[in-house]
Amino acid sequence: MYQVKLFNKISQAGTSLLTPDKYTCSEDFEEYDAILVRSAKLHDLDFPKNLKCIARAGAGVNNIPLDKCTENGIVVFNTPGANANAVKELVLCALLLSSRDIVGGVNWAKTLAGNGDAIGAMAEKGKSNFAGCEIAGKTLGVIGLGAIGIKVANAALALGMEVIGYDPYLSVDAALKLQRGVRYTTELNDIFTESHYITVHVPLLDATRGIIGADAIAKMKDGVRILNFARDGLCDQKAVIDGLESGKIAAYCCDFASEEMLAQPHALCLPHLGASTEESENNCAVMAAQEVMDYLENGTIRNSVNFPNLKVPREAKTRICVMHRNMPKLIAELSSTLAHHGINIENMGSRPRGEIAYTIIDTDDDLTEEIKTALKAVNGVIKFRIIL
């Protein structure tokens, strides 16, 4: 029986997949095999020794200590693409909100309450204060062409915008999903200098922190509108505020509120609503649960952010899953260790990811405690487990 600890409210669409004959789910476990989490911060958590994996029901994993997990042989999954449509729709909403002062107009219209039949004339008289511009024919620069960025780019194209997409690591699969009308560039300056609107869709890393800063803003068109529905920290807050106050930036829309940004009249801060739809939460929970089940039951890794993805067809009764350093001759040493103890390998697969690697070995032979001890002693092995 596997124990799965829930660190947030996880949609029943996902937890219902964890059938009671194999799994128990609770928020109260002290010992557990897996974690399902959304936004809860795990950096200060003391992980139990039998923790095997963590599945984040969402794309970002900044709330999870990846280095610590890797060193302890804990696989971390995310759910790329599961919330992509929800975020895309919110970004499209923000494109319109940044162009027309819809929020201001709604709030002002509410102040007319109590004026009875005069409201219509008062509204007509005051509507010019909330005039804006159209997005059709304008250029949208999309920084990051992952699952969300591609959907945003394609949708903006369909709305009549000119679209430039930037991503130096564009995959073949992503390129095939990108509409032909989207202009692809590997030069970030193309986005900064040519766009009327800029939206950012990259993970928050050392290399991307402050990707929109003072130098970038200086290169942009006057009256540029910037959208950040990816991660707080991608846009340098001080630089954005300076741009708003000088008029260089006409509007800034983000999914992250702060005291300083809330004080800006031309900033629109949402309370992290990107993935807050019933459909998105269900999709993320289902994908996360499936990743956990496939790993615990079969050793299969997919959508991991710290270990290589690997799926090996099962061809024997016993499966050995080994997390190890990506070192020369290590796999040969694993094989020779098993052979030395009379273990015949029926099937095997291995894949590296930087300095880390993952190997799956199938055998019909029984593994004694002596063999397990020998495997653990192989130089470079971080952790291994046996699935029967």
Protein backbone atom coordinates (compact mmCIF):
# COMPACT_ATOMS: atom_id res chain seq x y z
CA MET A 1 0.00 0.00 0.00
CA TYR A 2 1.41 3.38 -1.06
CA GLN A 3 0.80 6.45 1.10
CA VAL A 4 0.35 9.77 -0.70
CA LYS A 5 0.48 13.00 1.29
CA LEU A 6 -1.59 15.95 0.05
CA PHE A 7 -0.07 19.36 0.76
CA ASN A 8 -2.89 21.32 -0.86
CA LYS A 9 -6.45 20.69 -1.85
CA ILE A 10 -6.04 18.46 -4.90
CA SER A 11 -8.96 18.00 -7.28
CA GLN A 12 -10.86 14.77 -6.76
CA ALA A 13 -10.50 14.16 -10.50
CA GLY A 14 -6.90 13.24 -9.69
CA THR A 15 -7.12 11.72 -6.21
CA SER A 16 -9.95 9.42 -7.30
CA LEU A 17 -7.47 7.68 -9.61
CA LEU A 18 -5.46 6.58 -6.55
CA THR A 19 -7.54 3.48 -5.90
CA PRO A 20 -7.93 2.33 -2.27
CA ASP A 21 -6.57 -1.15 -3.03
CA LYS A 22 -3.12 0.38 -3.66
CA TYR A 23 -3.14 3.91 -2.26
CA THR A 24 -4.18 5.92 0.77
CA CYS A 25 -4.27 9.73 0.63
CA SER A 26 -4.12 12.09 3.58
CA GLU A 27 -2.84 15.47 4.72
CA ASP A 28 -1.76 13.98 8.05
CA PHE A 29 0.82 11.31 7.18
CA GLU A 30 4.19 11.39 8.95
CA GLU A 31 5.62 8.70 6.65
CA TYR A 32 4.67 8.66 2.99
CA ASP A 33 5.81 7.45 -0.44
CA ALA A 34 4.67 10.39 -2.54
CA ILE A 35 3.56 14.01 -2.35
CA LEU A 36 0.87 15.76 -4.36
CA VAL A 37 1.27 19.52 -4.09
CA ARG A 38 0.17 22.74 -5.75
CA SER A 39 1.67 25.90 -4.26
CA ALA A 40 2.67 24.82 -0.72
CA LYS A 41 6.35 25.55 -0.03
CA LEU A 42 8.39 22.41 0.69
CA HIS A 43 11.86 23.94 1.13
CA ASP A 44 11.89 23.62 4.91
CA LEU A 45 10.28 20.19 5.01
CA ASP A 46 12.17 17.21 6.44
CA PHE A 47 11.45 14.49 3.91
CA PRO A 48 10.86 10.95 5.22
CA LYS A 49 13.37 8.33 4.07
CA ASN A 50 10.78 6.41 2.08
CA LEU A 51 9.67 9.43 0.00
CA LYS A 52 10.05 8.45 -3.64
CA CYS A 53 8.46 11.23 -5.65
CA ILE A 54 6.76 14.62 -5.61
CA ALA A 55 4.19 15.66 -8.21
CA ARG A 56 3.44 19.34 -8.61
CA ALA A 57 -0.07 19.91 -9.98
CA GLY A 58 1.11 22.80 -12.15
CA ALA A 59 4.10 23.85 -14.22
CA GLY A 60 6.34 25.88 -11.90
CA VAL A 61 8.39 24.09 -9.24
CA ASN A 62 9.92 27.03 -7.37
CA ASN A 63 8.20 25.81 -4.21
CA ILE A 64 10.14 22.52 -4.29
CA PRO A 65 13.85 22.10 -3.29
CA LEU A 66 15.06 20.42 -6.49
CA ASP A 67 18.72 20.00 -5.51
CA LYS A 68 17.76 18.42 -2.20
CA CYS A 69 15.36 16.08 -3.97
CA THR A 70 17.94 15.04 -6.55
CA GLU A 71 20.57 14.30 -3.91
CA ASN A 72 18.07 12.08 -2.11
CA GLY A 73 16.86 10.28 -5.22
CA ILE A 74 13.40 11.85 -5.09
CA VAL A 75 11.82 12.34 -8.52
CA VAL A 76 9.98 15.64 -9.01
CA PHE A 77 7.23 15.82 -11.61
CA ASN A 78 5.28 18.76 -12.97
CA THR A 79 2.28 18.88 -15.29
CA PRO A 80 3.32 20.84 -18.39
CA GLY A 81 0.46 21.94 -20.58
CA ALA A 82 -2.31 20.90 -18.20
CA ASN A 83 -3.12 24.52 -17.33
CA ALA A 84 -2.00 26.03 -20.65
CA ASN A 85 -5.46 26.87 -21.96
CA ALA A 86 -6.53 28.51 -18.70
CA VAL A 87 -3.46 30.76 -18.68
CA LYS A 88 -3.83 31.51 -22.39
CA GLU A 89 -7.39 32.73 -21.88
CA LEU A 90 -6.33 34.98 -19.00
CA VAL A 91 -3.50 36.45 -21.08
CA LEU A 92 -5.95 37.23 -23.88
CA CYS A 93 -8.18 38.90 -21.30
CA ALA A 94 -5.20 40.94 -20.11
CA LEU A 95 -4.41 42.03 -23.67
CA LEU A 96 -7.85 43.62 -23.83
CA LEU A 97 -7.78 44.96 -20.28
CA SER A 98 -4.44 46.65 -20.94
CA SER A 99 -5.79 48.25 -24.13
CA ARG A 100 -9.16 49.52 -22.92
CA ASP A 101 -9.72 50.82 -19.39
CA ILE A 102 -12.49 48.30 -18.84
CA VAL A 103 -11.82 47.91 -15.12
CA GLY A 104 -11.84 51.67 -14.61
CA GLY A 105 -15.00 52.00 -16.65
CA VAL A 106 -16.80 49.31 -14.67
CA ASN A 107 -15.79 50.86 -11.34
CA TRP A 108 -16.83 54.33 -12.51
CA ALA A 109 -20.19 53.10 -13.82
CA LYS A 110 -20.97 51.71 -10.36
CA THR A 111 -20.62 55.22 -8.93
CA LEU A 112 -23.59 56.30 -11.03
CA ALA A 113 -25.96 54.13 -9.01
CA GLY A 114 -28.80 56.12 -7.48
CA ASN A 115 -29.20 58.55 -10.39
CA GLY A 116 -32.14 56.73 -11.90
CA ASP A 117 -33.08 57.70 -15.45
CA ALA A 118 -30.11 60.09 -15.66
CA ILE A 119 -27.57 57.23 -15.64
CA GLY A 120 -27.64 56.73 -19.41
CA ALA A 121 -26.81 60.36 -20.19
CA MET A 122 -24.17 60.51 -17.45
CA ALA A 123 -22.51 57.37 -18.81
CA GLU A 124 -22.43 58.79 -22.35
CA LYS A 125 -20.87 61.98 -21.07
CA GLY A 126 -18.15 60.25 -19.09
CA LYS A 127 -17.23 57.37 -21.38
CA SER A 128 -14.46 59.31 -23.15
CA ASN A 129 -12.38 59.03 -19.99
CA PHE A 130 -12.03 55.29 -20.61
CA ALA A 131 -11.16 55.23 -24.30
CA GLY A 132 -8.38 52.94 -25.45
CA CYS A 133 -6.92 51.23 -28.49
CA GLU A 134 -7.57 48.05 -30.46
CA ILE A 135 -5.20 45.09 -30.55
CA ALA A 136 -5.84 44.21 -34.21
CA GLY A 137 -2.86 45.18 -36.36
CA LYS A 138 -0.59 45.66 -33.35
CA THR A 139 2.53 43.55 -32.75
CA LEU A 140 2.67 41.11 -29.86
CA GLY A 141 6.05 39.82 -28.73
CA VAL A 142 5.92 36.43 -27.01
CA ILE A 143 8.95 35.54 -24.88
CA GLY A 144 8.97 31.76 -24.46
CA LEU A 145 7.27 29.32 -26.81
CA GLY A 146 6.32 26.51 -24.49
CA ALA A 147 2.83 25.08 -24.09
CA ILE A 148 1.34 28.42 -22.99
CA GLY A 149 3.40 30.74 -25.19
CA ILE A 150 2.44 28.84 -28.33
CA LYS A 151 -1.26 28.95 -27.48
CA VAL A 152 -1.04 32.70 -26.80
CA ALA A 153 0.86 33.34 -30.04
CA ASN A 154 -1.60 31.35 -32.16
CA ALA A 155 -4.64 32.94 -30.52
CA ALA A 156 -3.27 36.48 -30.93
CA LEU A 157 -2.62 35.74 -34.60
CA ALA A 158 -6.25 34.69 -35.00
CA LEU A 159 -7.32 38.00 -33.41
CA GLY A 160 -5.53 39.93 -36.13
CA MET A 161 -2.27 40.76 -34.37
CA GLU A 162 1.21 40.54 -35.81
CA VAL A 163 3.10 38.06 -33.62
CA ILE A 164 6.82 37.60 -32.98
CA GLY A 165 7.87 34.59 -30.92
CA TYR A 166 11.21 34.25 -29.12
CA ASP A 167 12.62 31.01 -27.74
CA PRO A 168 16.24 29.96 -28.22
CA TYR A 169 15.38 26.38 -27.24
CA LEU A 170 12.32 25.83 -29.44
CA SER A 171 11.67 22.09 -29.75
CA VAL A 172 10.63 20.40 -32.97
CA ASP A 173 7.29 19.46 -31.40
CA ALA A 174 6.68 23.07 -30.35
CA ALA A 175 7.67 24.40 -33.78
CA LEU A 176 5.11 22.13 -35.43
CA LYS A 177 2.36 23.55 -33.19
CA LEU A 178 3.21 27.16 -34.00
CA GLN A 179 1.00 28.75 -36.68
CA ARG A 180 2.83 29.69 -39.86
CA GLY A 181 1.95 33.35 -39.46
CA VAL A 182 3.97 33.66 -36.27
CA ARG A 183 7.41 35.11 -36.94
CA TYR A 184 10.07 33.21 -35.01
CA THR A 185 13.22 34.91 -33.74
CA THR A 186 16.24 33.95 -31.66
CA GLU A 187 17.03 37.62 -30.97
CA LEU A 188 15.40 38.97 -27.82
CA ASN A 189 15.99 42.52 -29.03
CA ASP A 190 13.52 41.90 -31.85
CA ILE A 191 10.82 41.49 -29.23
CA PHE A 192 11.86 44.61 -27.34
CA THR A 193 12.21 46.96 -30.31
CA GLU A 194 9.27 45.88 -32.49
CA SER A 195 6.43 44.99 -30.12
CA HIS A 196 3.49 47.10 -28.99
CA TYR A 197 2.64 44.37 -26.47
CA ILE A 198 5.03 41.95 -24.76
CA THR A 199 4.04 38.82 -22.85
CA VAL A 200 6.52 36.60 -21.02
CA HIS A 201 6.17 32.82 -20.65
CA VAL A 202 9.44 31.38 -19.36
CA PRO A 203 10.38 29.70 -16.06
CA LEU A 204 12.01 31.75 -13.34
CA LEU A 205 15.71 30.84 -13.40
CA ASP A 206 18.89 32.76 -12.69
CA ALA A 207 19.16 33.36 -16.44
CA THR A 208 15.60 34.71 -16.77
CA ARG A 209 15.21 36.68 -13.55
CA GLY A 210 14.64 40.31 -14.52
CA ILE A 211 14.54 39.42 -18.21
CA ILE A 212 12.44 42.56 -18.58
CA GLY A 213 14.52 45.20 -16.82
CA ALA A 214 15.61 48.80 -17.30
CA ASP A 215 17.84 48.10 -20.31
CA ALA A 216 15.14 46.10 -22.07
CA ILE A 217 12.45 48.69 -21.35
CA ALA A 218 14.67 51.46 -22.74
CA LYS A 219 14.68 49.65 -26.10
CA MET A 220 10.88 49.30 -26.24
CA LYS A 221 8.38 51.45 -28.07
CA ASP A 222 6.85 54.33 -26.16
CA GLY A 223 3.50 53.24 -24.76
CA VAL A 224 4.38 49.54 -24.70
CA ARG A 225 2.06 47.24 -22.76
CA ILE A 226 3.69 44.40 -20.78
CA LEU A 227 2.03 41.24 -19.50
CA ASN A 228 3.51 38.81 -16.96
CA PHE A 229 1.40 35.75 -16.21
CA ALA A 230 4.34 33.39 -15.77
CA ARG A 231 6.40 34.09 -12.64
CA ASP A 232 6.95 37.05 -10.37
CA GLY A 233 10.57 38.11 -10.72
CA LEU A 234 10.74 37.85 -14.52
CA CYS A 235 10.01 41.59 -14.68
CA ASP A 236 12.15 43.87 -12.56
CA GLN A 237 9.58 45.67 -10.42
CA LYS A 238 11.48 48.93 -9.98
CA ALA A 239 12.20 49.18 -13.70
CA VAL A 240 8.55 48.54 -14.54
CA ILE A 241 7.34 51.15 -12.03
CA ASP A 242 9.82 53.69 -13.41
CA GLY A 243 8.49 52.92 -16.90
CA LEU A 244 4.88 53.32 -15.77
CA GLU A 245 5.58 56.63 -14.04
CA SER A 246 7.47 58.03 -17.02
CA GLY A 247 4.81 56.94 -19.49
CA LYS A 248 7.21 54.66 -21.36
CA ILE A 249 4.98 51.75 -20.31
CA ALA A 250 1.29 52.44 -20.94
CA ALA A 251 0.08 49.47 -18.91
CA TYR A 252 1.41 46.54 -16.94
CA CYS A 253 -0.73 43.46 -16.25
CA CYS A 254 0.47 40.67 -14.00
CA ASP A 255 -0.79 37.77 -11.92
CA PHE A 256 1.21 38.84 -8.85
CA ALA A 257 0.22 41.63 -6.48
CA SER A 258 2.63 43.75 -4.42
CA GLU A 259 2.27 46.88 -2.32
CA GLU A 260 4.30 48.95 -4.76
CA MET A 261 2.57 47.72 -7.90
CA LEU A 262 -0.92 48.08 -6.44
CA ALA A 263 -0.19 51.78 -5.99
CA GLN A 264 0.37 52.23 -9.73
CA PRO A 265 -2.75 53.51 -11.54
CA HIS A 266 -1.72 51.89 -14.83
CA ALA A 267 -0.87 48.50 -13.35
CA LEU A 268 -3.45 45.74 -13.14
CA CYS A 269 -2.53 43.06 -10.59
CA LEU A 270 -4.54 39.84 -10.46
CA PRO A 271 -4.42 37.40 -7.50
CA HIS A 272 -2.57 34.58 -9.29
CA LEU A 273 -5.60 33.42 -11.28
CA GLY A 274 -3.67 31.85 -14.17
CA ALA A 275 -4.59 28.24 -13.48
CA SER A 276 -7.65 28.94 -11.35
CA THR A 277 -10.28 27.22 -13.44
CA GLU A 278 -12.10 24.01 -12.65
CA GLU A 279 -10.87 22.48 -15.89
CA SER A 280 -7.24 23.39 -15.27
CA GLU A 281 -7.23 22.13 -11.69
CA ASN A 282 -8.77 18.85 -12.84
CA ASN A 283 -6.26 18.46 -15.69
CA CYS A 284 -3.29 19.15 -13.42
CA ALA A 285 -4.52 16.78 -10.70
CA VAL A 286 -5.16 13.95 -13.17
CA MET A 287 -1.73 14.30 -14.79
CA ALA A 288 0.04 14.51 -11.42
CA ALA A 289 -1.75 11.43 -10.09
CA GLN A 290 -0.97 9.46 -13.25
CA GLU A 291 2.71 10.39 -13.02
CA VAL A 292 2.88 9.23 -9.41
CA MET A 293 1.09 5.95 -10.14
CA ASP A 294 3.24 5.13 -13.17
CA TYR A 295 6.42 5.78 -11.21
CA LEU A 296 5.46 3.94 -8.04
CA GLU A 297 4.02 0.92 -9.85
CA ASN A 298 6.29 0.69 -12.91
CA GLY A 299 9.30 2.94 -12.32
CA THR A 300 8.37 5.00 -15.36
CA ILE A 301 9.48 8.64 -15.28
CA ARG A 302 7.77 11.24 -17.47
CA ASN A 303 7.59 15.00 -17.07
CA SER A 304 10.32 15.04 -14.44
CA VAL A 305 12.21 18.26 -13.81
CA ASN A 306 15.22 16.70 -12.07
CA PHE A 307 15.65 13.15 -13.42
CA PRO A 308 15.65 11.84 -17.00
CA ASN A 309 12.40 10.58 -18.46
CA LEU A 310 12.47 6.84 -19.05
CA LYS A 311 9.95 4.13 -19.91
CA VAL A 312 11.02 0.50 -20.29
CA PRO A 313 8.60 -2.30 -21.27
CA ARG A 314 8.32 -4.70 -18.35
CA GLU A 315 9.52 -8.20 -19.23
CA ALA A 316 10.15 -9.93 -15.88
CA LYS A 317 8.67 -10.27 -12.41
CA THR A 318 11.21 -8.05 -10.60
CA ARG A 319 12.16 -4.50 -11.56
CA ILE A 320 15.19 -2.67 -10.16
CA CYS A 321 15.08 1.13 -10.44
CA VAL A 322 18.42 2.83 -9.85
CA MET A 323 19.01 6.57 -9.43
CA HIS A 324 22.71 7.24 -9.92
CA ARG A 325 25.43 9.61 -11.07
CA ASN A 326 26.12 9.79 -14.78
CA MET A 327 29.56 8.17 -14.50
CA PRO A 328 31.67 6.06 -16.89
CA LYS A 329 31.42 2.30 -16.33
CA LEU A 330 28.73 2.63 -13.64
CA ILE A 331 26.11 0.72 -15.62
CA ALA A 332 28.69 -1.96 -16.38
CA GLU A 333 29.41 -2.22 -12.67
CA LEU A 334 25.71 -2.61 -11.89
CA SER A 335 25.50 -5.39 -14.45
CA SER A 336 28.61 -7.16 -13.23
CA THR A 337 27.44 -6.90 -9.61
CA LEU A 338 24.19 -8.63 -10.51
CA ALA A 339 26.01 -11.23 -12.62
CA HIS A 340 28.42 -11.94 -9.76
CA HIS A 341 25.41 -12.88 -7.63
CA GLY A 342 23.85 -15.05 -10.32
CA ILE A 343 21.21 -12.54 -11.43
CA ASN A 344 20.24 -12.68 -15.11
CA ILE A 345 19.11 -9.42 -16.74
CA GLU A 346 16.01 -9.91 -18.91
CA ASN A 347 15.61 -6.30 -19.98
CA MET A 348 17.33 -3.01 -19.31
CA GLY A 349 17.09 0.70 -20.11
CA SER A 350 19.06 3.76 -19.03
CA ARG A 351 19.07 7.48 -19.72
CA PRO A 352 21.23 10.36 -18.47
CA ARG A 353 20.34 13.95 -17.66
CA GLY A 354 23.40 16.06 -17.07
CA GLU A 355 25.24 14.65 -14.06
CA ILE A 356 22.34 12.37 -13.09
CA ALA A 357 21.10 9.15 -14.70
CA TYR A 358 18.34 6.61 -14.22
CA THR A 359 18.47 2.90 -15.00
CA ILE A 360 15.75 0.25 -15.02
CA ILE A 361 16.70 -3.46 -14.87
CA ASP A 362 14.26 -6.38 -15.14
CA THR A 363 15.00 -9.89 -13.87
CA ASP A 364 13.10 -13.05 -13.02
CA ASP A 365 15.53 -13.89 -10.23
CA ASP A 366 14.96 -13.16 -6.56
CA LEU A 367 17.06 -10.46 -4.92
CA THR A 368 18.52 -11.32 -1.54
CA GLU A 369 19.53 -8.76 1.08
CA GLU A 370 23.14 -9.51 0.17
CA ILE A 371 22.49 -8.47 -3.44
CA LYS A 372 20.68 -5.32 -2.34
CA THR A 373 23.62 -4.37 -0.15
CA ALA A 374 26.01 -4.96 -3.04
CA LEU A 375 23.97 -2.72 -5.36
CA LYS A 376 23.84 0.02 -2.77
CA ALA A 377 27.62 -0.13 -2.43
CA VAL A 378 28.25 0.55 -6.13
CA ASN A 379 30.05 3.89 -6.38
CA GLY A 380 27.71 6.55 -7.77
CA VAL A 381 24.42 4.94 -6.78
CA ILE A 382 22.17 7.51 -5.07
CA LYS A 383 19.17 5.33 -4.38
CA PHE A 384 17.45 2.25 -5.74
CA ARG A 385 14.19 0.46 -5.18
CA ILE A 386 12.65 -2.83 -6.18
CA ILE A 387 9.20 -3.22 -7.71
CA LEU A 388 7.66 -6.69 -7.64
